[in-house]
Amino acid sequence: MQYQSTLNRDGLIDLATNKYFANVDKKNLGQVLDCFHDNAMLTVQTAFTIHEGKENIKRMFVDFMEAYEFIVHRDFTCTVDEANGRIAASFVAELVDGQGNKTFLHNTNFWRIRGDKFQEVYVYMSGANPLL
């Protein structure tokens, strides 16, 4: 299904890297959820995990943010399809849990935007899925 996006190239990159990932890293749950439509879907393709609806996505992020003391997403390479409201980003995710154990993932996310928010998110992870 195709959605209409109101964002240009810079707006798509800003939504993915600044409004979404920067707030995930700061554990600003409200701002993270503001990036999603109420009926959005987040799928971790490499783990066959689907989170449907904002409430399920919220629960996933609450668990994720509680599991890690330190979260950072960095080294973004973005590919944008402005005409169709889509963006892909490859990046490094660095996670540190309460015991000091570090996890480094090399991930790629694909987003389908409706209006100015995520309608669909597809995540490909290089390691174990922390988004349960």
N, C-alpha and C. Protein backbone atom coordinates (compact mmCIF):
# COMPACT_ATOMS: atom_id res chain seq x y z
N MET A 1 0.84 -1.17 0.00
CA MET A 1 0.00 0.00 0.00
C MET A 1 0.88 1.24 0.00
N GLN A 2 0.47 2.24 -0.75
CA GLN A 2 1.20 3.50 -0.81
C GLN A 2 0.52 4.53 0.09
N TYR A 3 1.30 5.28 0.82
CA TYR A 3 0.80 6.33 1.68
C TYR A 3 1.29 7.67 1.16
N GLN A 4 0.55 8.72 1.43
CA GLN A 4 0.97 10.07 1.08
C GLN A 4 1.78 10.65 2.23
N SER A 5 2.96 11.17 1.92
CA SER A 5 3.81 11.80 2.91
C SER A 5 3.81 13.31 2.68
N THR A 6 3.90 14.06 3.78
CA THR A 6 3.99 15.51 3.69
C THR A 6 5.43 15.99 3.90
N LEU A 7 6.37 15.06 4.03
CA LEU A 7 7.75 15.42 4.34
C LEU A 7 8.64 15.41 3.10
N ASN A 8 9.55 16.39 3.04
CA ASN A 8 10.56 16.38 1.99
C ASN A 8 11.75 15.56 2.46
N ARG A 9 12.81 15.54 1.66
CA ARG A 9 13.99 14.73 1.99
C ARG A 9 14.53 15.06 3.38
N ASP A 10 14.76 16.33 3.65
CA ASP A 10 15.31 16.72 4.95
C ASP A 10 14.36 16.37 6.09
N GLY A 11 13.05 16.51 5.86
CA GLY A 11 12.07 16.16 6.87
C GLY A 11 12.04 14.68 7.18
N LEU A 12 12.22 13.85 6.16
CA LEU A 12 12.26 12.40 6.36
C LEU A 12 13.49 12.00 7.18
N ILE A 13 14.63 12.58 6.84
CA ILE A 13 15.86 12.28 7.59
C ILE A 13 15.73 12.78 9.03
N ASP A 14 15.17 13.96 9.21
CA ASP A 14 14.97 14.52 10.55
C ASP A 14 14.05 13.63 11.39
N LEU A 15 12.96 13.17 10.79
CA LEU A 15 12.04 12.29 11.51
C LEU A 15 12.75 11.03 11.99
N ALA A 16 13.52 10.41 11.12
CA ALA A 16 14.17 9.14 11.46
C ALA A 16 15.32 9.31 12.45
N THR A 17 16.18 10.29 12.21
CA THR A 17 17.40 10.37 13.02
C THR A 17 17.26 11.26 14.26
N ASN A 18 16.53 12.38 14.12
CA ASN A 18 16.44 13.33 15.24
C ASN A 18 15.20 13.15 16.09
N LYS A 19 14.05 13.07 15.46
CA LYS A 19 12.82 12.93 16.23
C LYS A 19 12.66 11.52 16.79
N TYR A 20 13.12 10.53 16.07
CA TYR A 20 12.96 9.15 16.51
C TYR A 20 14.20 8.67 17.28
N PHE A 21 15.31 8.41 16.58
CA PHE A 21 16.45 7.80 17.23
C PHE A 21 17.05 8.66 18.35
N ALA A 22 17.13 9.96 18.17
CA ALA A 22 17.69 10.80 19.23
C ALA A 22 16.84 10.69 20.50
N ASN A 23 15.54 10.57 20.34
CA ASN A 23 14.67 10.43 21.51
C ASN A 23 14.68 9.02 22.08
N VAL A 24 14.89 8.01 21.25
CA VAL A 24 15.10 6.65 21.78
C VAL A 24 16.34 6.68 22.67
N ASP A 25 17.41 7.29 22.18
CA ASP A 25 18.66 7.34 22.94
C ASP A 25 18.50 8.08 24.26
N LYS A 26 17.67 9.12 24.28
CA LYS A 26 17.43 9.89 25.51
C LYS A 26 16.33 9.28 26.38
N LYS A 27 15.73 8.20 25.90
CA LYS A 27 14.63 7.52 26.58
C LYS A 27 13.44 8.45 26.78
N ASN A 28 13.18 9.29 25.80
CA ASN A 28 12.02 10.17 25.80
C ASN A 28 10.86 9.43 25.14
N LEU A 29 10.19 8.60 25.91
CA LEU A 29 9.17 7.72 25.37
C LEU A 29 8.06 8.48 24.66
N GLY A 30 7.58 9.55 25.23
CA GLY A 30 6.50 10.31 24.61
C GLY A 30 6.86 10.83 23.24
N GLN A 31 8.08 11.36 23.09
CA GLN A 31 8.52 11.88 21.81
C GLN A 31 8.73 10.76 20.79
N VAL A 32 9.20 9.61 21.26
CA VAL A 32 9.35 8.45 20.37
C VAL A 32 7.99 8.05 19.84
N LEU A 33 7.02 7.92 20.72
CA LEU A 33 5.68 7.49 20.30
C LEU A 33 4.99 8.51 19.41
N ASP A 34 5.35 9.79 19.55
CA ASP A 34 4.79 10.82 18.67
C ASP A 34 5.18 10.60 17.21
N CYS A 35 6.18 9.80 16.96
CA CYS A 35 6.62 9.52 15.59
C CYS A 35 5.73 8.48 14.89
N PHE A 36 4.85 7.81 15.63
CA PHE A 36 4.04 6.71 15.10
C PHE A 36 2.56 7.08 15.01
N HIS A 37 1.91 6.58 13.97
CA HIS A 37 0.45 6.63 13.90
C HIS A 37 -0.11 5.62 14.91
N ASP A 38 -1.35 5.83 15.34
CA ASP A 38 -1.98 4.93 16.31
C ASP A 38 -2.03 3.49 15.82
N ASN A 39 -2.20 3.28 14.53
CA ASN A 39 -2.29 1.92 13.98
C ASN A 39 -1.02 1.49 13.26
N ALA A 40 0.12 2.09 13.65
CA ALA A 40 1.41 1.75 13.04
C ALA A 40 1.81 0.32 13.33
N MET A 41 2.76 -0.17 12.55
CA MET A 41 3.29 -1.52 12.73
C MET A 41 4.82 -1.44 12.71
N LEU A 42 5.46 -2.08 13.68
CA LEU A 42 6.91 -2.20 13.74
C LEU A 42 7.25 -3.67 13.68
N THR A 43 8.01 -4.05 12.66
CA THR A 43 8.37 -5.45 12.45
C THR A 43 9.87 -5.62 12.52
N VAL A 44 10.35 -6.54 13.35
CA VAL A 44 11.77 -6.91 13.35
C VAL A 44 11.87 -8.12 12.43
N GLN A 45 12.26 -7.85 11.19
CA GLN A 45 12.27 -8.89 10.14
C GLN A 45 13.17 -10.06 10.50
N THR A 46 14.31 -9.77 11.09
CA THR A 46 15.30 -10.81 11.37
C THR A 46 14.92 -11.67 12.57
N ALA A 47 13.87 -11.29 13.30
CA ALA A 47 13.43 -12.06 14.47
C ALA A 47 11.98 -12.52 14.34
N PHE A 48 11.36 -12.21 13.21
CA PHE A 48 9.96 -12.59 12.97
C PHE A 48 9.05 -12.07 14.08
N THR A 49 9.28 -10.81 14.50
CA THR A 49 8.52 -10.19 15.58
C THR A 49 7.75 -9.00 15.02
N ILE A 50 6.46 -8.94 15.34
CA ILE A 50 5.62 -7.84 14.88
C ILE A 50 4.96 -7.17 16.08
N HIS A 51 5.03 -5.83 16.11
CA HIS A 51 4.36 -5.03 17.13
C HIS A 51 3.35 -4.17 16.39
N GLU A 52 2.06 -4.45 16.60
CA GLU A 52 1.00 -3.73 15.89
C GLU A 52 0.27 -2.79 16.83
N GLY A 53 0.12 -1.54 16.39
CA GLY A 53 -0.59 -0.54 17.16
C GLY A 53 0.33 0.17 18.14
N LYS A 54 0.01 1.41 18.40
CA LYS A 54 0.85 2.25 19.24
C LYS A 54 1.00 1.70 20.65
N GLU A 55 -0.03 1.10 21.20
CA GLU A 55 0.07 0.55 22.56
C GLU A 55 1.08 -0.60 22.63
N ASN A 56 1.10 -1.46 21.65
CA ASN A 56 2.07 -2.56 21.62
C ASN A 56 3.48 -2.03 21.36
N ILE A 57 3.59 -1.03 20.52
CA ILE A 57 4.89 -0.41 20.27
C ILE A 57 5.38 0.27 21.55
N LYS A 58 4.48 0.92 22.27
CA LYS A 58 4.84 1.55 23.55
C LYS A 58 5.37 0.52 24.53
N ARG A 59 4.68 -0.60 24.70
CA ARG A 59 5.14 -1.65 25.62
C ARG A 59 6.52 -2.13 25.24
N MET A 60 6.76 -2.32 23.93
CA MET A 60 8.07 -2.76 23.46
C MET A 60 9.15 -1.76 23.87
N PHE A 61 8.88 -0.46 23.67
CA PHE A 61 9.88 0.56 24.00
C PHE A 61 10.07 0.70 25.50
N VAL A 62 9.02 0.57 26.30
CA VAL A 62 9.18 0.60 27.76
C VAL A 62 10.14 -0.51 28.19
N ASP A 63 9.91 -1.72 27.71
CA ASP A 63 10.78 -2.85 28.06
C ASP A 63 12.22 -2.61 27.59
N PHE A 64 12.37 -2.11 26.36
CA PHE A 64 13.70 -1.86 25.79
C PHE A 64 14.44 -0.80 26.60
N MET A 65 13.78 0.30 26.91
CA MET A 65 14.42 1.39 27.64
C MET A 65 14.77 1.00 29.07
N GLU A 66 13.96 0.15 29.67
CA GLU A 66 14.25 -0.33 31.03
C GLU A 66 15.40 -1.34 31.05
N ALA A 67 15.62 -2.04 29.96
CA ALA A 67 16.64 -3.09 29.91
C ALA A 67 18.05 -2.55 29.73
N TYR A 68 18.19 -1.30 29.27
CA TYR A 68 19.51 -0.75 28.96
C TYR A 68 19.72 0.59 29.65
N GLU A 69 20.90 0.72 30.27
CA GLU A 69 21.29 1.97 30.91
C GLU A 69 21.72 3.00 29.87
N PHE A 70 22.30 2.54 28.81
CA PHE A 70 22.87 3.41 27.78
C PHE A 70 22.43 2.89 26.41
N ILE A 71 21.87 3.78 25.61
CA ILE A 71 21.44 3.45 24.24
C ILE A 71 21.94 4.57 23.34
N VAL A 72 22.61 4.19 22.26
CA VAL A 72 23.01 5.20 21.28
C VAL A 72 22.92 4.58 19.88
N HIS A 73 22.38 5.36 18.97
CA HIS A 73 22.33 5.01 17.55
C HIS A 73 23.20 6.04 16.84
N ARG A 74 24.13 5.57 15.99
CA ARG A 74 25.09 6.49 15.38
C ARG A 74 25.53 6.00 14.00
N ASP A 75 26.30 6.84 13.35
CA ASP A 75 26.89 6.52 12.04
C ASP A 75 25.83 6.18 11.00
N PHE A 76 24.86 7.06 10.86
CA PHE A 76 23.75 6.85 9.94
C PHE A 76 24.16 7.04 8.48
N THR A 77 23.68 6.14 7.65
CA THR A 77 23.70 6.31 6.20
C THR A 77 22.25 6.19 5.76
N CYS A 78 21.70 7.30 5.26
CA CYS A 78 20.28 7.34 4.90
C CYS A 78 20.09 7.33 3.39
N THR A 79 19.09 6.61 2.96
CA THR A 79 18.65 6.61 1.57
C THR A 79 17.18 7.00 1.59
N VAL A 80 16.84 8.03 0.80
CA VAL A 80 15.51 8.62 0.86
C VAL A 80 14.80 8.50 -0.48
N ASP A 81 13.54 8.12 -0.42
CA ASP A 81 12.62 8.16 -1.56
C ASP A 81 11.57 9.21 -1.21
N GLU A 82 11.89 10.46 -1.49
CA GLU A 82 11.02 11.57 -1.11
C GLU A 82 9.65 11.47 -1.78
N ALA A 83 9.62 11.08 -3.05
CA ALA A 83 8.36 11.04 -3.80
C ALA A 83 7.36 10.06 -3.19
N ASN A 84 7.87 9.00 -2.58
CA ASN A 84 7.00 7.96 -2.02
C ASN A 84 6.98 7.93 -0.51
N GLY A 85 7.62 8.89 0.16
CA GLY A 85 7.59 8.97 1.62
C GLY A 85 8.24 7.79 2.29
N ARG A 86 9.40 7.40 1.79
CA ARG A 86 10.12 6.27 2.39
C ARG A 86 11.55 6.65 2.69
N ILE A 87 12.09 6.01 3.71
CA ILE A 87 13.48 6.24 4.08
C ILE A 87 14.06 4.93 4.62
N ALA A 88 15.33 4.71 4.32
CA ALA A 88 16.08 3.59 4.88
C ALA A 88 17.32 4.18 5.55
N ALA A 89 17.73 3.58 6.66
CA ALA A 89 18.94 4.03 7.33
C ALA A 89 19.70 2.83 7.86
N SER A 90 20.98 2.79 7.56
CA SER A 90 21.89 1.82 8.15
C SER A 90 22.66 2.57 9.24
N PHE A 91 22.95 1.87 10.34
CA PHE A 91 23.54 2.54 11.49
C PHE A 91 24.12 1.52 12.46
N VAL A 92 24.83 2.03 13.45
CA VAL A 92 25.33 1.23 14.56
C VAL A 92 24.47 1.53 15.77
N ALA A 93 24.06 0.48 16.46
CA ALA A 93 23.35 0.62 17.73
C ALA A 93 24.26 0.09 18.83
N GLU A 94 24.50 0.92 19.83
CA GLU A 94 25.34 0.54 20.96
C GLU A 94 24.47 0.53 22.21
N LEU A 95 24.44 -0.61 22.89
CA LEU A 95 23.60 -0.80 24.06
C LEU A 95 24.46 -1.27 25.23
N VAL A 96 24.19 -0.72 26.42
CA VAL A 96 24.88 -1.15 27.63
C VAL A 96 23.82 -1.43 28.69
N ASP A 97 23.82 -2.66 29.22
CA ASP A 97 22.82 -3.01 30.23
C ASP A 97 23.30 -2.61 31.63
N GLY A 98 22.49 -2.89 32.64
CA GLY A 98 22.79 -2.50 34.02
C GLY A 98 24.01 -3.16 34.60
N GLN A 99 24.46 -4.28 34.03
CA GLN A 99 25.66 -4.96 34.50
C GLN A 99 26.90 -4.54 33.72
N GLY A 100 26.73 -3.59 32.80
CA GLY A 100 27.86 -3.11 32.02
C GLY A 100 28.16 -3.91 30.77
N ASN A 101 27.31 -4.88 30.45
CA ASN A 101 27.51 -5.67 29.24
C ASN A 101 27.16 -4.83 28.01
N LYS A 102 28.07 -4.82 27.03
CA LYS A 102 27.89 -4.02 25.83
C LYS A 102 27.45 -4.89 24.66
N THR A 103 26.55 -4.33 23.87
CA THR A 103 26.08 -4.97 22.65
C THR A 103 26.21 -3.95 21.53
N PHE A 104 26.82 -4.38 20.43
CA PHE A 104 26.92 -3.55 19.23
C PHE A 104 26.17 -4.26 18.11
N LEU A 105 25.27 -3.53 17.48
CA LEU A 105 24.50 -4.07 16.36
C LEU A 105 24.70 -3.17 15.14
N HIS A 106 24.76 -3.78 13.98
CA HIS A 106 24.80 -3.06 12.71
C HIS A 106 23.46 -3.32 12.04
N ASN A 107 22.58 -2.33 12.10
CA ASN A 107 21.19 -2.51 11.70
C ASN A 107 20.82 -1.65 10.50
N THR A 108 19.72 -2.02 9.90
CA THR A 108 19.11 -1.21 8.86
C THR A 108 17.61 -1.17 9.13
N ASN A 109 17.06 0.04 9.11
CA ASN A 109 15.61 0.24 9.25
C ASN A 109 15.04 0.79 7.95
N PHE A 110 13.83 0.38 7.66
CA PHE A 110 13.08 0.89 6.52
C PHE A 110 11.77 1.44 7.06
N TRP A 111 11.43 2.68 6.67
CA TRP A 111 10.21 3.32 7.15
C TRP A 111 9.32 3.69 5.98
N ARG A 112 8.01 3.50 6.18
CA ARG A 112 6.98 4.02 5.27
C ARG A 112 6.22 5.08 6.05
N ILE A 113 6.19 6.28 5.49
CA ILE A 113 5.64 7.44 6.18
C ILE A 113 4.25 7.74 5.63
N ARG A 114 3.31 8.00 6.52
CA ARG A 114 1.98 8.51 6.14
C ARG A 114 1.84 9.87 6.80
N GLY A 115 1.66 10.90 5.98
CA GLY A 115 1.64 12.26 6.50
C GLY A 115 3.03 12.63 6.97
N ASP A 116 3.17 12.77 8.29
CA ASP A 116 4.48 13.11 8.85
C ASP A 116 4.90 12.16 9.97
N LYS A 117 4.31 10.93 9.94
CA LYS A 117 4.62 9.93 10.98
C LYS A 117 4.84 8.57 10.36
N PHE A 118 5.43 7.67 11.16
CA PHE A 118 5.65 6.29 10.71
C PHE A 118 4.34 5.53 10.65
N GLN A 119 4.12 4.87 9.53
CA GLN A 119 3.01 3.93 9.40
C GLN A 119 3.53 2.50 9.52
N GLU A 120 4.68 2.25 8.90
CA GLU A 120 5.31 0.93 8.95
C GLU A 120 6.81 1.10 9.16
N VAL A 121 7.36 0.26 10.03
CA VAL A 121 8.80 0.24 10.28
C VAL A 121 9.26 -1.21 10.17
N TYR A 122 10.32 -1.42 9.40
CA TYR A 122 10.91 -2.75 9.24
C TYR A 122 12.36 -2.68 9.69
N VAL A 123 12.73 -3.54 10.65
CA VAL A 123 14.05 -3.51 11.26
C VAL A 123 14.78 -4.81 10.92
N TYR A 124 16.01 -4.64 10.47
CA TYR A 124 16.92 -5.76 10.21
C TYR A 124 18.10 -5.60 11.15
N MET A 125 18.36 -6.62 11.99
CA MET A 125 19.40 -6.55 13.02
C MET A 125 20.50 -7.56 12.74
N SER A 126 21.72 -7.17 13.12
CA SER A 126 22.86 -8.06 12.91
C SER A 126 23.00 -9.07 14.05
N GLY A 127 22.28 -8.90 15.13
CA GLY A 127 22.40 -9.80 16.27
C GLY A 127 21.05 -10.10 16.88
N ALA A 128 21.09 -10.51 18.16
CA ALA A 128 19.86 -10.85 18.88
C ALA A 128 18.94 -9.64 18.98
N ASN A 129 17.66 -9.89 18.96
CA ASN A 129 16.65 -8.84 18.97
C ASN A 129 16.40 -8.34 20.40
N PRO A 130 16.72 -7.06 20.70
CA PRO A 130 16.39 -6.51 22.02
C PRO A 130 15.02 -5.87 22.07
N LEU A 131 14.30 -5.87 20.95
CA LEU A 131 12.98 -5.23 20.86
C LEU A 131 11.90 -6.29 20.98
N LEU A 132 11.70 -6.81 22.16
CA LEU A 132 10.77 -7.91 22.37
C LEU A 132 9.40 -7.43 22.79
